[in-house]
Amino acid sequence: MRSRAPPIETTNSTEDVPISSYQIMMIFNPEADAERHQEILARVTQLIQDGGGEVANTAEWGRRKIAYPIAKQGDGLYVIVSCTTSPPVLEEISRVLAISKDIVLRALPIKVTPAEIEAVVKAGGIPQPVDERPEGESRPRGGRRGGGGGGGGRRGR
């Protein structure tokens, strides 16, 4: 019989918890109401501030094509929040975003260095990625040597 894991203790004190720098990328459902997007952003900001952290920058990249459909959506509204916060607060943010899956298609917190956060603040935000491919050219398809082979199939015996 396996033993149970000890219960996870949560504390409201953030004094002894180290604060780190993060960028939280969120992809919002473009079909959802803009007010709901703002409510989620306000909730994330409030959680960060209540946990003793600070929001350095919020970059809204707007509507962009997603690499693959998420919840039957081919596009998403990209927002990146650059902040300092503690891991317990980050867990709570992830929980809140997971509950709001009708609005938030994906969310990914990325740990960054304080210097990267400072660079974002100095630059006035995170620049949008640049697509240097000629218009109409799609991404190269991955795969094994030789490219787009069908693979599989039966060979002569």
Protein backbone atom coordinates (compact mmCIF):
# COMPACT_ATOMS: atom_id res chain seq x y z
CA MET A 1 0.00 0.00 0.00
CA ARG A 2 1.39 3.39 -0.99
CA SER A 3 1.69 6.09 1.61
CA ARG A 4 -0.05 9.37 1.07
CA ALA A 5 1.93 12.47 0.30
CA PRO A 6 2.00 15.01 3.12
CA PRO A 7 -0.54 17.83 2.71
CA ILE A 8 0.73 20.95 1.01
CA GLU A 9 0.94 23.82 3.45
CA THR A 10 0.01 27.23 2.19
CA THR A 11 0.80 30.42 4.02
CA ASN A 12 -0.32 33.95 3.44
CA SER A 13 3.07 35.28 4.45
CA THR A 14 5.24 36.23 1.50
CA GLU A 15 8.09 37.48 3.67
CA ASP A 16 10.13 34.28 3.53
CA VAL A 17 9.34 33.39 -0.09
CA PRO A 18 11.84 34.60 -2.69
CA ILE A 19 10.56 36.89 -5.40
CA SER A 20 11.69 36.19 -8.97
CA SER A 21 11.17 37.84 -12.36
CA TYR A 22 8.68 36.32 -14.80
CA GLN A 23 6.97 36.96 -18.09
CA ILE A 24 3.49 35.48 -18.26
CA MET A 25 2.30 34.96 -21.83
CA MET A 26 -1.45 34.60 -22.21
CA ILE A 27 -3.41 33.80 -25.34
CA PHE A 28 -6.99 35.00 -25.04
CA ASN A 29 -9.96 33.71 -27.01
CA PRO A 30 -10.62 36.43 -29.64
CA GLU A 31 -14.33 35.56 -29.64
CA ALA A 32 -14.69 36.38 -25.92
CA ASP A 33 -15.79 39.84 -24.82
CA ALA A 34 -13.00 42.44 -24.42
CA GLU A 35 -14.35 43.26 -20.95
CA ARG A 36 -13.67 39.68 -19.87
CA HIS A 37 -10.07 39.96 -21.14
CA GLN A 38 -9.61 43.10 -19.06
CA GLU A 39 -11.14 41.42 -15.99
CA ILE A 40 -8.63 38.56 -16.24
CA LEU A 41 -5.71 40.99 -16.70
CA ALA A 42 -6.90 43.03 -13.71
CA ARG A 43 -7.18 39.86 -11.60
CA VAL A 44 -3.65 38.75 -12.57
CA THR A 45 -2.27 42.22 -11.77
CA GLN A 46 -4.10 42.27 -8.43
CA LEU A 47 -2.75 38.83 -7.47
CA ILE A 48 0.81 39.93 -8.28
CA GLN A 49 0.50 43.15 -6.25
CA ASP A 50 -1.24 41.46 -3.31
CA GLY A 51 1.59 38.90 -3.20
CA GLY A 52 4.22 41.60 -2.81
CA GLY A 53 5.25 41.63 -6.47
CA GLU A 54 5.21 44.30 -9.11
CA VAL A 55 4.00 44.47 -12.72
CA ALA A 56 6.77 46.07 -14.78
CA ASN A 57 5.02 46.03 -18.16
CA THR A 58 1.97 44.65 -19.96
CA ALA A 59 2.44 44.20 -23.70
CA GLU A 60 -0.63 43.57 -25.86
CA TRP A 61 0.40 42.10 -29.19
CA GLY A 62 -3.15 41.93 -30.51
CA ARG A 63 -4.71 39.23 -32.66
CA ARG A 64 -2.24 36.78 -34.16
CA LYS A 65 -2.42 33.41 -35.85
CA ILE A 66 -1.80 30.44 -33.57
CA ALA A 67 0.53 27.66 -34.78
CA TYR A 68 -2.21 25.08 -34.24
CA PRO A 69 -5.89 25.43 -33.28
CA ILE A 70 -6.64 25.61 -29.57
CA ALA A 71 -10.27 25.01 -28.56
CA LYS A 72 -11.19 25.28 -32.26
CA GLN A 73 -9.65 28.77 -32.46
CA GLY A 74 -7.08 29.53 -35.16
CA ASP A 75 -6.30 33.02 -33.81
CA GLY A 76 -5.66 34.40 -30.37
CA LEU A 77 -5.08 37.71 -28.61
CA TYR A 78 -1.55 37.69 -27.19
CA VAL A 79 -0.72 39.51 -23.95
CA ILE A 80 2.59 39.34 -22.07
CA VAL A 81 2.86 40.52 -18.46
CA SER A 82 6.41 41.20 -17.23
CA CYS A 83 6.51 41.09 -13.44
CA THR A 84 8.24 40.11 -10.24
CA THR A 85 6.38 37.71 -7.97
CA SER A 86 6.78 34.62 -5.81
CA PRO A 87 6.16 31.00 -6.86
CA PRO A 88 3.04 30.59 -4.66
CA VAL A 89 1.47 33.65 -6.30
CA LEU A 90 2.41 32.28 -9.72
CA GLU A 91 0.65 29.01 -8.84
CA GLU A 92 -2.49 30.96 -7.88
CA ILE A 93 -2.33 32.89 -11.16
CA SER A 94 -2.04 29.61 -13.08
CA ARG A 95 -5.04 28.24 -11.18
CA VAL A 96 -7.16 31.33 -11.94
CA LEU A 97 -6.20 31.21 -15.63
CA ALA A 98 -6.96 27.48 -15.83
CA ILE A 99 -10.44 28.08 -14.40
CA SER A 100 -11.05 30.73 -17.10
CA LYS A 101 -10.38 28.40 -20.01
CA ASP A 102 -13.33 29.80 -22.00
CA ILE A 103 -11.41 33.11 -22.12
CA VAL A 104 -7.76 32.08 -21.73
CA LEU A 105 -6.74 29.59 -24.40
CA ARG A 106 -3.16 29.18 -23.08
CA ALA A 107 -0.96 30.72 -20.41
CA LEU A 108 2.73 30.16 -19.89
CA PRO A 109 4.85 31.72 -17.14
CA ILE A 110 8.52 32.03 -18.09
CA LYS A 111 11.21 32.77 -15.50
CA VAL A 112 13.55 35.54 -16.69
CA THR A 113 16.45 37.44 -15.20
CA PRO A 114 15.95 40.83 -13.54
CA ALA A 115 18.14 42.31 -16.31
CA GLU A 116 15.64 41.08 -18.93
CA ILE A 117 12.78 42.78 -17.06
CA GLU A 118 14.81 46.01 -16.89
CA ALA A 119 15.46 45.81 -20.64
CA VAL A 120 11.72 45.43 -21.27
CA VAL A 121 10.98 48.50 -19.15
CA LYS A 122 13.69 50.55 -20.89
CA ALA A 123 12.44 49.49 -24.32
CA GLY A 124 8.88 50.45 -23.39
CA GLY A 125 7.56 46.91 -23.73
CA ILE A 126 8.24 43.60 -25.39
CA PRO A 127 8.57 44.01 -29.14
CA GLN A 128 6.34 41.88 -31.30
CA PRO A 129 8.06 39.05 -33.15
CA VAL A 130 8.93 39.78 -36.75
CA ASP A 131 7.99 37.32 -39.46
CA GLU A 132 10.72 37.64 -42.08
CA ARG A 133 9.21 35.17 -44.54
CA PRO A 134 7.90 36.52 -47.83
CA GLU A 135 4.15 37.05 -47.93
CA GLY A 136 2.25 33.82 -48.42
CA GLU A 137 5.17 31.53 -47.61
CA SER A 138 4.35 29.02 -44.94
CA ARG A 139 6.59 27.56 -42.28
CA PRO A 140 8.79 24.67 -43.34
CA ARG A 141 7.35 21.39 -42.26
CA GLY A 142 9.38 19.40 -39.80
CA GLY A 143 10.09 15.76 -40.12
CA ARG A 144 12.86 13.38 -40.79
CA ARG A 145 15.45 13.48 -43.47
CA GLY A 146 13.95 14.07 -46.83
CA GLY A 147 11.03 16.18 -45.64
CA GLY A 148 7.42 15.36 -46.28
CA GLY A 149 7.53 11.62 -46.86
CA GLY A 150 4.43 9.66 -46.08
CA GLY A 151 6.18 7.16 -43.86
CA GLY A 152 4.70 3.92 -42.71
CA GLY A 153 3.13 1.64 -45.23
CA ARG A 154 4.02 -1.95 -46.04
CA ARG A 155 7.12 -2.91 -47.82
CA GLY A 156 7.46 -5.89 -50.04
CA ARG A 157 8.09 -9.10 -48.17
